[in-house]
Amino acid sequence: MKILLIISILLFASCAKNIGESEKTIDGNEKGKVLNIPLSGSLQNPAFSPDSRSIVFTRFINGYNREPAEMYKFNLYTEQLTLLVSDGSANVNLPGSCWNGAIGKITFSSSRDTHDEIYLIRETGTTGDEYRITNRPAAAGYEPTLSPDGKWIVFESHKVDEEENGIIVKYKTEGSSSYINLTSADADCRQPNWSPAGDKILFQKFEDKQWDIWIMNTDGSGKKRITFGQGDKTDASFSNDGQYIVYSCDFESDLADIYRISVSGGEPVRLTGLAGYEGAPSVSPDGAKLVCESCKGEPDNSGGTKLIIFEY
């Protein structure tokens, strides 16, 4: 079934009070909603709950990507805002599959110790309830994502104090496995996301002087490049049915927009165009909504982004 991004006033009328305010127009006829979240700073990396009714997101307190960072839950219908993680360090979740229904937990990275490591917190938890999963003295972990059954985690790994040469690493959430490298150290691979069916992992790879989206089997085999053409493609995650990938790209405008592409490749479809920046998209598990971060101008060095929700 072909999925179209159609945002209309009628679709939002029944729940506009609950899921947002301040309509933003796309090309004059499509509308999204800025979520009514009463927080300052930069709101980033939204990801849906398993029941599609809530999101988890990161709040960078001092502006876009400027630490420290907290994590919150936000109910789209009751507008209840819950602080999950806050300790004065950088606590950051990944858009896509960071909230797992099988184990009822949310995964994130935190810089609270000597360097970033991977943590879990119960979806019903509060700040102070989180616990550490990885423990490697010479390597940092970022951008974690959970397998659908909650038994495995994959994340982006770097040597401590090194920004280049990202490796996608797989590890059991209960700590019984070794750290398994799914990509090589001589390639720069980042931001993995697990597919809803549990059979694929996507990631972004720096090659030919730009970032593109790749896909692989969960054992690291069968690597395939999905996106081509100009522009950096980043912040990718799967659609709810696993048939598409949504991501951010700056090809058609000075600032990034959201695109969708089939997992088999082909021509991407541009989903947003708000005369600003849109990035870090997530599709709800019920396939009804897409949420992303948004800014009127360049987000870097700005006060921050807001979160916008669309019908998908």
C-alpha atoms as a PDB file:
ATOM      1  CA  MET A   1       0.000   0.000   0.000  1.00  0.00           C
ATOM      2  CA  LYS A   2       1.395   3.331  -0.997  1.00  0.00           C
ATOM      3  CA  ILE A   3       1.830   5.622   1.990  1.00  0.00           C
ATOM      4  CA  LEU A   4       1.360   9.343   1.493  1.00  0.00           C
ATOM      5  CA  LEU A   5       2.213  12.117   3.880  1.00  0.00           C
ATOM      6  CA  ILE A   6      -1.132  13.994   4.008  1.00  0.00           C
ATOM      7  CA  ILE A   7      -1.658  16.569   6.679  1.00  0.00           C
ATOM      8  CA  SER A   8      -5.039  18.256   6.804  1.00  0.00           C
ATOM      9  CA  ILE A   9      -6.983  20.383   9.222  1.00  0.00           C
ATOM     10  CA  LEU A  10      -9.783  17.823   9.380  1.00  0.00           C
ATOM     11  CA  LEU A  11      -7.448  15.010  10.387  1.00  0.00           C
ATOM     12  CA  PHE A  12      -6.099  17.062  13.242  1.00  0.00           C
ATOM     13  CA  ALA A  13      -9.381  18.656  14.366  1.00  0.00           C
ATOM     14  CA  SER A  14     -10.374  15.813  16.699  1.00  0.00           C
ATOM     15  CA  CYS A  15      -7.074  15.809  18.578  1.00  0.00           C
ATOM     16  CA  ALA A  16      -5.478  19.220  17.977  1.00  0.00           C
ATOM     17  CA  LYS A  17      -6.030  20.184  21.600  1.00  0.00           C
ATOM     18  CA  ASN A  18      -4.075  17.157  22.732  1.00  0.00           C
ATOM     19  CA  ILE A  19      -1.219  16.766  20.294  1.00  0.00           C
ATOM     20  CA  GLY A  20      -0.093  20.246  19.494  1.00  0.00           C
ATOM     21  CA  GLU A  21      -0.566  23.825  18.539  1.00  0.00           C
ATOM     22  CA  SER A  22       0.708  26.409  16.039  1.00  0.00           C
ATOM     23  CA  GLU A  23       0.093  24.976  12.568  1.00  0.00           C
ATOM     24  CA  LYS A  24       3.091  24.980  10.238  1.00  0.00           C
ATOM     25  CA  THR A  25       2.417  24.878   6.511  1.00  0.00           C
ATOM     26  CA  ILE A  26       4.215  22.657   4.042  1.00  0.00           C
ATOM     27  CA  ASP A  27       4.064  23.998   0.479  1.00  0.00           C
ATOM     28  CA  GLY A  28       0.852  25.864   1.268  1.00  0.00           C
ATOM     29  CA  ASN A  29      -1.483  22.886   1.726  1.00  0.00           C
ATOM     30  CA  GLU A  30      -0.089  20.426   4.234  1.00  0.00           C
ATOM     31  CA  LYS A  31       0.045  21.082   7.958  1.00  0.00           C
ATOM     32  CA  GLY A  32       1.827  19.795  10.989  1.00  0.00           C
ATOM     33  CA  LYS A  33       1.597  20.709  14.636  1.00  0.00           C
ATOM     34  CA  VAL A  34       4.241  22.004  16.981  1.00  0.00           C
ATOM     35  CA  LEU A  35       3.866  19.899  20.106  1.00  0.00           C
ATOM     36  CA  ASN A  36       2.768  21.894  23.123  1.00  0.00           C
ATOM     37  CA  ILE A  37       5.707  21.029  25.384  1.00  0.00           C
ATOM     38  CA  PRO A  38       6.404  23.705  28.022  1.00  0.00           C
ATOM     39  CA  LEU A  39      10.191  23.463  28.034  1.00  0.00           C
ATOM     40  CA  SER A  40      12.941  25.847  26.974  1.00  0.00           C
ATOM     41  CA  GLY A  41      16.145  24.700  25.329  1.00  0.00           C
ATOM     42  CA  SER A  42      16.415  22.380  22.336  1.00  0.00           C
ATOM     43  CA  LEU A  43      13.937  19.490  22.051  1.00  0.00           C
ATOM     44  CA  GLN A  44      15.415  16.718  19.885  1.00  0.00           C
ATOM     45  CA  ASN A  45      15.386  13.051  18.854  1.00  0.00           C
ATOM     46  CA  PRO A  46      11.687  12.194  19.342  1.00  0.00           C
ATOM     47  CA  ALA A  47      10.734   8.499  19.364  1.00  0.00           C
ATOM     48  CA  PHE A  48       7.321   6.890  19.849  1.00  0.00           C
ATOM     49  CA  SER A  49       6.127   4.613  22.617  1.00  0.00           C
ATOM     50  CA  PRO A  50       5.028   1.090  21.586  1.00  0.00           C
ATOM     51  CA  ASP A  51       1.341   2.124  21.820  1.00  0.00           C
ATOM     52  CA  SER A  52       1.957   5.274  19.703  1.00  0.00           C
ATOM     53  CA  ARG A  53       0.375   7.499  22.369  1.00  0.00           C
ATOM     54  CA  SER A  54       3.543   9.022  23.813  1.00  0.00           C
ATOM     55  CA  ILE A  55       7.029  10.056  22.778  1.00  0.00           C
ATOM     56  CA  VAL A  56      10.402  10.123  24.478  1.00  0.00           C
ATOM     57  CA  PHE A  57      12.814  12.912  23.567  1.00  0.00           C
ATOM     58  CA  THR A  58      16.038  14.646  24.557  1.00  0.00           C
ATOM     59  CA  ARG A  59      16.161  18.208  25.848  1.00  0.00           C
ATOM     60  CA  PHE A  60      19.510  19.967  25.454  1.00  0.00           C
ATOM     61  CA  ILE A  61      19.224  22.673  28.076  1.00  0.00           C
ATOM     62  CA  ASN A  62      21.608  25.263  26.598  1.00  0.00           C
ATOM     63  CA  GLY A  63      20.689  25.047  22.906  1.00  0.00           C
ATOM     64  CA  TYR A  64      21.065  22.713  19.970  1.00  0.00           C
ATOM     65  CA  ASN A  65      23.370  19.790  20.878  1.00  0.00           C
ATOM     66  CA  ARG A  66      24.755  21.795  23.805  1.00  0.00           C
ATOM     67  CA  GLU A  67      25.076  19.834  27.023  1.00  0.00           C
ATOM     68  CA  PRO A  68      23.778  19.057  29.561  1.00  0.00           C
ATOM     69  CA  ALA A  69      20.830  17.053  28.268  1.00  0.00           C
ATOM     70  CA  GLU A  70      17.791  15.521  29.950  1.00  0.00           C
ATOM     71  CA  MET A  71      15.238  12.968  28.754  1.00  0.00           C
ATOM     72  CA  TYR A  72      11.464  13.282  28.999  1.00  0.00           C
ATOM     73  CA  LYS A  73       8.285  11.399  28.162  1.00  0.00           C
ATOM     74  CA  PHE A  74       5.329  13.314  26.716  1.00  0.00           C
ATOM     75  CA  ASN A  75       1.798  11.919  26.340  1.00  0.00           C
ATOM     76  CA  LEU A  76       0.383  13.214  23.067  1.00  0.00           C
ATOM     77  CA  TYR A  77      -3.213  13.109  24.305  1.00  0.00           C
ATOM     78  CA  THR A  78      -3.094  14.121  27.970  1.00  0.00           C
ATOM     79  CA  GLU A  79      -0.008  16.347  27.490  1.00  0.00           C
ATOM     80  CA  GLN A  80       1.489  14.873  30.655  1.00  0.00           C
ATOM     81  CA  LEU A  81       5.231  15.602  30.741  1.00  0.00           C
ATOM     82  CA  THR A  82       7.463  13.264  32.775  1.00  0.00           C
ATOM     83  CA  LEU A  83      11.142  13.800  33.521  1.00  0.00           C
ATOM     84  CA  LEU A  84      12.993  10.505  33.017  1.00  0.00           C
ATOM     85  CA  VAL A  85      16.703  11.252  33.269  1.00  0.00           C
ATOM     86  CA  SER A  86      18.533  14.319  34.585  1.00  0.00           C
ATOM     87  CA  ASP A  87      21.907  14.344  36.321  1.00  0.00           C
ATOM     88  CA  GLY A  88      23.802  17.270  34.792  1.00  0.00           C
ATOM     89  CA  SER A  89      25.469  15.192  32.051  1.00  0.00           C
ATOM     90  CA  ALA A  90      24.457  14.484  28.434  1.00  0.00           C
ATOM     91  CA  ASN A  91      21.624  11.914  28.423  1.00  0.00           C
ATOM     92  CA  VAL A  92      20.536  11.313  24.831  1.00  0.00           C
ATOM     93  CA  ASN A  93      18.098   8.906  23.165  1.00  0.00           C
ATOM     94  CA  LEU A  94      17.994   7.926  19.497  1.00  0.00           C
ATOM     95  CA  PRO A  95      14.962   8.477  17.213  1.00  0.00           C
ATOM     96  CA  GLY A  96      13.369   5.225  16.047  1.00  0.00           C
ATOM     97  CA  SER A  97      13.540   2.023  18.082  1.00  0.00           C
ATOM     98  CA  CYS A  98      14.831   3.211  21.463  1.00  0.00           C
ATOM     99  CA  TRP A  99      11.564   2.478  23.368  1.00  0.00           C
ATOM    100  CA  ASN A 100      10.901  -1.254  23.579  1.00  0.00           C
ATOM    101  CA  GLY A 101       7.538  -2.754  24.507  1.00  0.00           C
ATOM    102  CA  ALA A 102       8.762  -6.330  24.958  1.00  0.00           C
ATOM    103  CA  ILE A 103      10.859  -5.382  27.986  1.00  0.00           C
ATOM    104  CA  GLY A 104       9.178  -2.085  28.848  1.00  0.00           C
ATOM    105  CA  LYS A 105      12.417  -0.107  28.730  1.00  0.00           C
ATOM    106  CA  ILE A 106      14.006   2.887  26.994  1.00  0.00           C
ATOM    107  CA  THR A 107      17.669   2.960  26.012  1.00  0.00           C
ATOM    108  CA  PHE A 108      19.969   5.979  25.832  1.00  0.00           C
ATOM    109  CA  SER A 109      23.582   7.051  26.168  1.00  0.00           C
ATOM    110  CA  SER A 110      24.960   9.072  29.059  1.00  0.00           C
ATOM    111  CA  SER A 111      28.230  10.911  29.668  1.00  0.00           C
ATOM    112  CA  ARG A 112      27.863  10.789  33.464  1.00  0.00           C
ATOM    113  CA  ASP A 113      30.941   8.637  33.978  1.00  0.00           C
ATOM    114  CA  THR A 114      34.356   9.189  32.387  1.00  0.00           C
ATOM    115  CA  HIS A 115      32.850   8.858  28.897  1.00  0.00           C
ATOM    116  CA  ASP A 116      29.560   7.960  27.187  1.00  0.00           C
ATOM    117  CA  GLU A 117      28.131   4.513  27.901  1.00  0.00           C
ATOM    118  CA  ILE A 118      24.774   2.825  27.182  1.00  0.00           C
ATOM    119  CA  TYR A 119      21.979   2.770  29.764  1.00  0.00           C
ATOM    120  CA  LEU A 120      18.416   1.491  30.188  1.00  0.00           C
ATOM    121  CA  ILE A 121      15.502   2.886  32.173  1.00  0.00           C
ATOM    122  CA  ARG A 122      12.051   1.407  32.756  1.00  0.00           C
ATOM    123  CA  GLU A 123       9.346   3.119  30.689  1.00  0.00           C
ATOM    124  CA  THR A 124       7.524   3.771  33.981  1.00  0.00           C
ATOM    125  CA  GLY A 125      10.695   4.949  35.683  1.00  0.00           C
ATOM    126  CA  THR A 126      11.799   8.323  36.956  1.00  0.00           C
ATOM    127  CA  THR A 127      15.155  10.021  37.222  1.00  0.00           C
ATOM    128  CA  GLY A 128      17.585   7.943  39.258  1.00  0.00           C
ATOM    129  CA  ASP A 129      16.009   4.662  38.109  1.00  0.00           C
ATOM    130  CA  GLU A 130      18.363   4.173  35.131  1.00  0.00           C
ATOM    131  CA  TYR A 131      21.109   1.552  35.030  1.00  0.00           C
ATOM    132  CA  ARG A 132      24.227   1.022  32.948  1.00  0.00           C
ATOM    133  CA  ILE A 133      24.543  -1.683  30.263  1.00  0.00           C
ATOM    134  CA  THR A 134      28.007  -1.224  28.722  1.00  0.00           C
ATOM    135  CA  ASN A 135      31.315  -0.824  30.507  1.00  0.00           C
ATOM    136  CA  ARG A 136      34.399  -0.365  28.317  1.00  0.00           C
ATOM    137  CA  PRO A 137      37.298   1.750  29.565  1.00  0.00           C
ATOM    138  CA  ALA A 138      38.706   2.552  26.106  1.00  0.00           C
ATOM    139  CA  ALA A 139      35.525   2.909  24.037  1.00  0.00           C
ATOM    140  CA  ALA A 140      32.476   5.177  24.183  1.00  0.00           C
ATOM    141  CA  GLY A 141      28.932   4.249  23.167  1.00  0.00           C
ATOM    142  CA  TYR A 142      26.263   6.440  21.557  1.00  0.00           C
ATOM    143  CA  GLU A 143      22.934   6.211  19.686  1.00  0.00           C
ATOM    144  CA  PRO A 144      21.605   2.884  21.090  1.00  0.00           C
ATOM    145  CA  THR A 145      18.647   0.986  19.622  1.00  0.00           C
ATOM    146  CA  LEU A 146      16.872  -2.172  20.814  1.00  0.00           C
ATOM    147  CA  SER A 147      15.888  -5.322  18.939  1.00  0.00           C
ATOM    148  CA  PRO A 148      12.111  -5.952  18.881  1.00  0.00           C
ATOM    149  CA  ASP A 149      12.411  -8.766  21.445  1.00  0.00           C
ATOM    150  CA  GLY A 150      14.512  -6.546  23.712  1.00  0.00           C
ATOM    151  CA  LYS A 151      17.334  -9.088  23.959  1.00  0.00           C
ATOM    152  CA  TRP A 152      19.927  -7.182  21.939  1.00  0.00           C
ATOM    153  CA  ILE A 153      21.153  -3.645  21.641  1.00  0.00           C
ATOM    154  CA  VAL A 154      23.170  -2.056  18.842  1.00  0.00           C
ATOM    155  CA  PHE A 155      24.955   1.250  19.164  1.00  0.00           C
ATOM    156  CA  GLU A 156      27.595   3.511  17.670  1.00  0.00           C
ATOM    157  CA  SER A 157      31.043   3.036  19.186  1.00  0.00           C
ATOM    158  CA  HIS A 158      34.196   5.179  19.112  1.00  0.00           C
ATOM    159  CA  LYS A 159      37.529   5.089  20.807  1.00  0.00           C
ATOM    160  CA  VAL A 160      37.459   7.440  23.765  1.00  0.00           C
ATOM    161  CA  ASP A 161      38.169  11.037  22.668  1.00  0.00           C
ATOM    162  CA  GLU A 162      37.994  10.107  18.966  1.00  0.00           C
ATOM    163  CA  GLU A 163      35.216  11.477  16.758  1.00  0.00           C
ATOM    164  CA  GLU A 164      36.022   9.516  13.595  1.00  0.00           C
ATOM    165  CA  ASN A 165      35.843   5.817  12.681  1.00  0.00           C
ATOM    166  CA  GLY A 166      32.483   4.947  14.195  1.00  0.00           C
ATOM    167  CA  ILE A 167      31.740   1.220  14.537  1.00  0.00           C
ATOM    168  CA  ILE A 168      28.306  -0.383  14.862  1.00  0.00           C
ATOM    169  CA  VAL A 169      28.437  -2.742  17.863  1.00  0.00           C
ATOM    170  CA  LYS A 170      25.956  -5.401  19.009  1.00  0.00           C
ATOM    171  CA  TYR A 171      25.577  -6.483  22.623  1.00  0.00           C
ATOM    172  CA  LYS A 172      23.088  -8.423  24.782  1.00  0.00           C
ATOM    173  CA  THR A 173      21.028  -6.214  27.070  1.00  0.00           C
ATOM    174  CA  GLU A 174      21.611  -8.510  30.049  1.00  0.00           C
ATOM    175  CA  GLY A 175      25.351  -8.496  29.445  1.00  0.00           C
ATOM    176  CA  SER A 176      25.939 -12.173  28.643  1.00  0.00           C
ATOM    177  CA  SER A 177      27.558 -11.658  25.230  1.00  0.00           C
ATOM    178  CA  SER A 178      30.835 -10.231  24.015  1.00  0.00           C
ATOM    179  CA  TYR A 179      30.859  -6.900  22.166  1.00  0.00           C
ATOM    180  CA  ILE A 180      30.286  -7.834  18.521  1.00  0.00           C
ATOM    181  CA  ASN A 181      31.513  -5.436  15.821  1.00  0.00           C
ATOM    182  CA  LEU A 182      29.084  -5.391  12.880  1.00  0.00           C
ATOM    183  CA  THR A 183      31.080  -2.892  10.817  1.00  0.00           C
ATOM    184  CA  SER A 184      34.816  -2.472  10.373  1.00  0.00           C
ATOM    185  CA  ALA A 185      37.031   0.010  12.182  1.00  0.00           C
ATOM    186  CA  ASP A 186      38.331   1.489   8.912  1.00  0.00           C
ATOM    187  CA  ALA A 187      34.822   2.673   7.939  1.00  0.00           C
ATOM    188  CA  ASP A 188      32.938   5.464   9.692  1.00  0.00           C
ATOM    189  CA  CYS A 189      29.470   4.053  10.478  1.00  0.00           C
ATOM    190  CA  ARG A 190      26.933   5.615  12.845  1.00  0.00           C
ATOM    191  CA  GLN A 191      23.346   5.859  14.125  1.00  0.00           C
ATOM    192  CA  PRO A 192      22.050   2.283  13.821  1.00  0.00           C
ATOM    193  CA  ASN A 193      18.331   1.463  14.009  1.00  0.00           C
ATOM    194  CA  TRP A 194      16.734  -1.961  14.276  1.00  0.00           C
ATOM    195  CA  SER A 195      13.894  -2.944  11.926  1.00  0.00           C
ATOM    196  CA  PRO A 196      10.419  -3.736  13.338  1.00  0.00           C
ATOM    197  CA  ALA A 197      10.710  -7.346  12.134  1.00  0.00           C
ATOM    198  CA  GLY A 198      14.104  -7.718  13.804  1.00  0.00           C
ATOM    199  CA  ASP A 199      15.855  -8.947  10.661  1.00  0.00           C
ATOM    200  CA  LYS A 200      17.692  -5.801   9.541  1.00  0.00           C
ATOM    201  CA  ILE A 201      19.709  -2.929  10.960  1.00  0.00           C
ATOM    202  CA  LEU A 202      20.154   0.360   9.125  1.00  0.00           C
ATOM    203  CA  PHE A 203      23.047   2.753   9.666  1.00  0.00           C
ATOM    204  CA  GLN A 204      24.696   5.754   8.057  1.00  0.00           C
ATOM    205  CA  LYS A 205      28.164   5.484   6.527  1.00  0.00           C
ATOM    206  CA  PHE A 206      30.589   8.193   5.435  1.00  0.00           C
ATOM    207  CA  GLU A 207      31.815   7.381   1.952  1.00  0.00           C
ATOM    208  CA  ASP A 208      32.600   9.440  -1.154  1.00  0.00           C
ATOM    209  CA  LYS A 209      32.708  12.589   1.037  1.00  0.00           C
ATOM    210  CA  GLN A 210      29.102  12.307   2.214  1.00  0.00           C
ATOM    211  CA  TRP A 211      26.801  10.373   4.549  1.00  0.00           C
ATOM    212  CA  ASP A 212      24.471   7.757   3.063  1.00  0.00           C
ATOM    213  CA  ILE A 213      22.063   5.203   4.508  1.00  0.00           C
ATOM    214  CA  TRP A 214      22.962   1.516   4.433  1.00  0.00           C
ATOM    215  CA  ILE A 215      21.201  -1.640   5.585  1.00  0.00           C
ATOM    216  CA  MET A 216      22.563  -4.990   6.801  1.00  0.00           C
ATOM    217  CA  ASN A 217      21.525  -8.263   8.397  1.00  0.00           C
ATOM    218  CA  THR A 218      21.695  -8.409  12.183  1.00  0.00           C
ATOM    219  CA  ASP A 219      24.936 -10.427  12.069  1.00  0.00           C
ATOM    220  CA  GLY A 220      26.616  -7.735   9.952  1.00  0.00           C
ATOM    221  CA  SER A 221      26.355  -9.602   6.658  1.00  0.00           C
ATOM    222  CA  GLY A 222      24.589  -8.451   3.493  1.00  0.00           C
ATOM    223  CA  LYS A 223      25.531  -4.775   3.690  1.00  0.00           C
ATOM    224  CA  LYS A 224      23.755  -2.733   1.009  1.00  0.00           C
ATOM    225  CA  ARG A 225      23.795   0.973   0.254  1.00  0.00           C
ATOM    226  CA  ILE A 226      20.251   2.373   0.021  1.00  0.00           C
ATOM    227  CA  THR A 227      20.644   6.101  -0.744  1.00  0.00           C
ATOM    228  CA  PHE A 228      22.604   7.754  -3.533  1.00  0.00           C
ATOM    229  CA  GLY A 229      22.819  11.245  -5.003  1.00  0.00           C
ATOM    230  CA  GLN A 230      23.971  14.508  -3.474  1.00  0.00           C
ATOM    231  CA  GLY A 231      23.513  15.593   0.122  1.00  0.00           C
ATOM    232  CA  ASP A 232      24.192  14.090   3.531  1.00  0.00           C
ATOM    233  CA  LYS A 233      21.571  11.544   4.593  1.00  0.00           C
ATOM    234  CA  THR A 234      21.388  11.167   8.364  1.00  0.00           C
ATOM    235  CA  ASP A 235      19.157  10.370  11.365  1.00  0.00           C
ATOM    236  CA  ALA A 236      17.444   7.407   9.696  1.00  0.00           C
ATOM    237  CA  SER A 237      14.818   5.066  11.132  1.00  0.00           C
ATOM    238  CA  PHE A 238      12.374   2.482   9.774  1.00  0.00           C
ATOM    239  CA  SER A 239       8.702   2.985   9.055  1.00  0.00           C
ATOM    240  CA  ASN A 240       6.307   0.950  11.207  1.00  0.00           C
ATOM    241  CA  ASP A 241       5.977  -1.818   8.592  1.00  0.00           C
ATOM    242  CA  GLY A 242       9.705  -1.957   7.881  1.00  0.00           C
ATOM    243  CA  GLN A 243       9.170  -1.311   4.179  1.00  0.00           C
ATOM    244  CA  TYR A 244      10.511   2.241   4.174  1.00  0.00           C
ATOM    245  CA  ILE A 245      13.252   4.304   5.760  1.00  0.00           C
ATOM    246  CA  VAL A 246      12.729   7.928   6.799  1.00  0.00           C
ATOM    247  CA  TYR A 247      15.727  10.209   7.119  1.00  0.00           C
ATOM    248  CA  SER A 248      17.014  13.769   6.935  1.00  0.00           C
ATOM    249  CA  CYS A 249      18.795  15.200   3.872  1.00  0.00           C
ATOM    250  CA  ASP A 250      19.928  18.666   2.770  1.00  0.00           C
ATOM    251  CA  PHE A 251      19.952  18.045  -1.001  1.00  0.00           C
ATOM    252  CA  GLU A 252      16.979  20.085  -2.275  1.00  0.00           C
ATOM    253  CA  SER A 253      17.350  23.050   0.066  1.00  0.00           C
ATOM    254  CA  ASP A 254      19.973  24.802   2.149  1.00  0.00           C
ATOM    255  CA  LEU A 255      18.535  23.139   5.264  1.00  0.00           C
ATOM    256  CA  ALA A 256      17.582  19.501   5.773  1.00  0.00           C
ATOM    257  CA  ASP A 257      14.128  18.048   5.069  1.00  0.00           C
ATOM    258  CA  ILE A 258      12.583  14.646   5.788  1.00  0.00           C
ATOM    259  CA  TYR A 259      12.621  12.015   3.033  1.00  0.00           C
ATOM    260  CA  ARG A 260      11.286   8.488   2.640  1.00  0.00           C
ATOM    261  CA  ILE A 261      12.830   5.685   0.580  1.00  0.00           C
ATOM    262  CA  SER A 262      12.033   2.000   0.086  1.00  0.00           C
ATOM    263  CA  VAL A 263      14.274  -0.483   1.923  1.00  0.00           C
ATOM    264  CA  SER A 264      15.100  -1.887  -1.523  1.00  0.00           C
ATOM    265  CA  GLY A 265      16.316   1.529  -2.686  1.00  0.00           C
ATOM    266  CA  GLY A 266      15.027   3.607  -5.574  1.00  0.00           C
ATOM    267  CA  GLU A 267      13.882   7.217  -5.808  1.00  0.00           C
ATOM    268  CA  PRO A 268      13.359   8.997  -2.466  1.00  0.00           C
ATOM    269  CA  VAL A 269      10.227  11.030  -1.752  1.00  0.00           C
ATOM    270  CA  ARG A 270      10.487  14.376   0.008  1.00  0.00           C
ATOM    271  CA  LEU A 271       8.016  14.583   2.889  1.00  0.00           C
ATOM    272  CA  THR A 272       8.590  18.069   4.333  1.00  0.00           C
ATOM    273  CA  GLY A 273       9.476  21.529   3.114  1.00  0.00           C
ATOM    274  CA  LEU A 274       8.798  24.088   5.813  1.00  0.00           C
ATOM    275  CA  ALA A 275      11.418  26.625   4.663  1.00  0.00           C
ATOM    276  CA  GLY A 276      13.531  25.576   7.612  1.00  0.00           C
ATOM    277  CA  TYR A 277      15.235  22.544   9.081  1.00  0.00           C
ATOM    278  CA  GLU A 278      13.507  19.213   9.823  1.00  0.00           C
ATOM    279  CA  GLY A 279      15.430  16.207  11.101  1.00  0.00           C
ATOM    280  CA  ALA A 280      15.528  13.115  13.335  1.00  0.00           C
ATOM    281  CA  PRO A 281      12.217  11.581  12.159  1.00  0.00           C
ATOM    282  CA  SER A 282      10.316   8.704  13.761  1.00  0.00           C
ATOM    283  CA  VAL A 283       7.169   6.934  12.500  1.00  0.00           C
ATOM    284  CA  SER A 284       4.630   5.720  15.063  1.00  0.00           C
ATOM    285  CA  PRO A 285       4.161   1.937  15.490  1.00  0.00           C
ATOM    286  CA  ASP A 286       0.551   2.252  14.291  1.00  0.00           C
ATOM    287  CA  GLY A 287       1.746   3.983  11.115  1.00  0.00           C
ATOM    288  CA  ALA A 288      -0.461   7.037  11.656  1.00  0.00           C
ATOM    289  CA  LYS A 289       2.033   9.732  12.609  1.00  0.00           C
ATOM    290  CA  LEU A 290       5.524  11.047  12.007  1.00  0.00           C
ATOM    291  CA  VAL A 291       7.340  13.224  14.530  1.00  0.00           C
ATOM    292  CA  CYS A 292      10.572  15.160  14.003  1.00  0.00           C
ATOM    293  CA  GLU A 293      12.601  18.104  15.258  1.00  0.00           C
ATOM    294  CA  SER A 294      12.263  21.451  13.486  1.00  0.00           C
ATOM    295  CA  CYS A 295      13.890  24.877  13.394  1.00  0.00           C
ATOM    296  CA  LYS A 296      13.214  27.979  11.297  1.00  0.00           C
ATOM    297  CA  GLY A 297      16.884  28.256  10.372  1.00  0.00           C
ATOM    298  CA  GLU A 298      20.160  26.405  10.762  1.00  0.00           C
ATOM    299  CA  PRO A 299      19.955  24.461  14.062  1.00  0.00           C
ATOM    300  CA  ASP A 300      23.686  24.489  14.812  1.00  0.00           C
ATOM    301  CA  ASN A 301      24.550  27.289  17.234  1.00  0.00           C
ATOM    302  CA  SER A 302      20.851  28.096  17.614  1.00  0.00           C
ATOM    303  CA  GLY A 303      18.739  28.205  20.754  1.00  0.00           C
ATOM    304  CA  GLY A 304      17.261  24.910  19.670  1.00  0.00           C
ATOM    305  CA  THR A 305      14.576  22.960  17.849  1.00  0.00           C
ATOM    306  CA  LYS A 306      10.915  22.230  18.573  1.00  0.00           C
ATOM    307  CA  LEU A 307       9.092  18.959  17.954  1.00  0.00           C
ATOM    308  CA  ILE A 308       6.512  18.728  15.168  1.00  0.00           C
ATOM    309  CA  ILE A 309       3.986  15.938  14.517  1.00  0.00           C
ATOM    310  CA  PHE A 310       2.356  15.066  11.176  1.00  0.00           C
ATOM    311  CA  GLU A 311      -0.144  12.548   9.894  1.00  0.00           C
ATOM    312  CA  TYR A 312       1.856   9.936   7.984  1.00  0.00           C
END
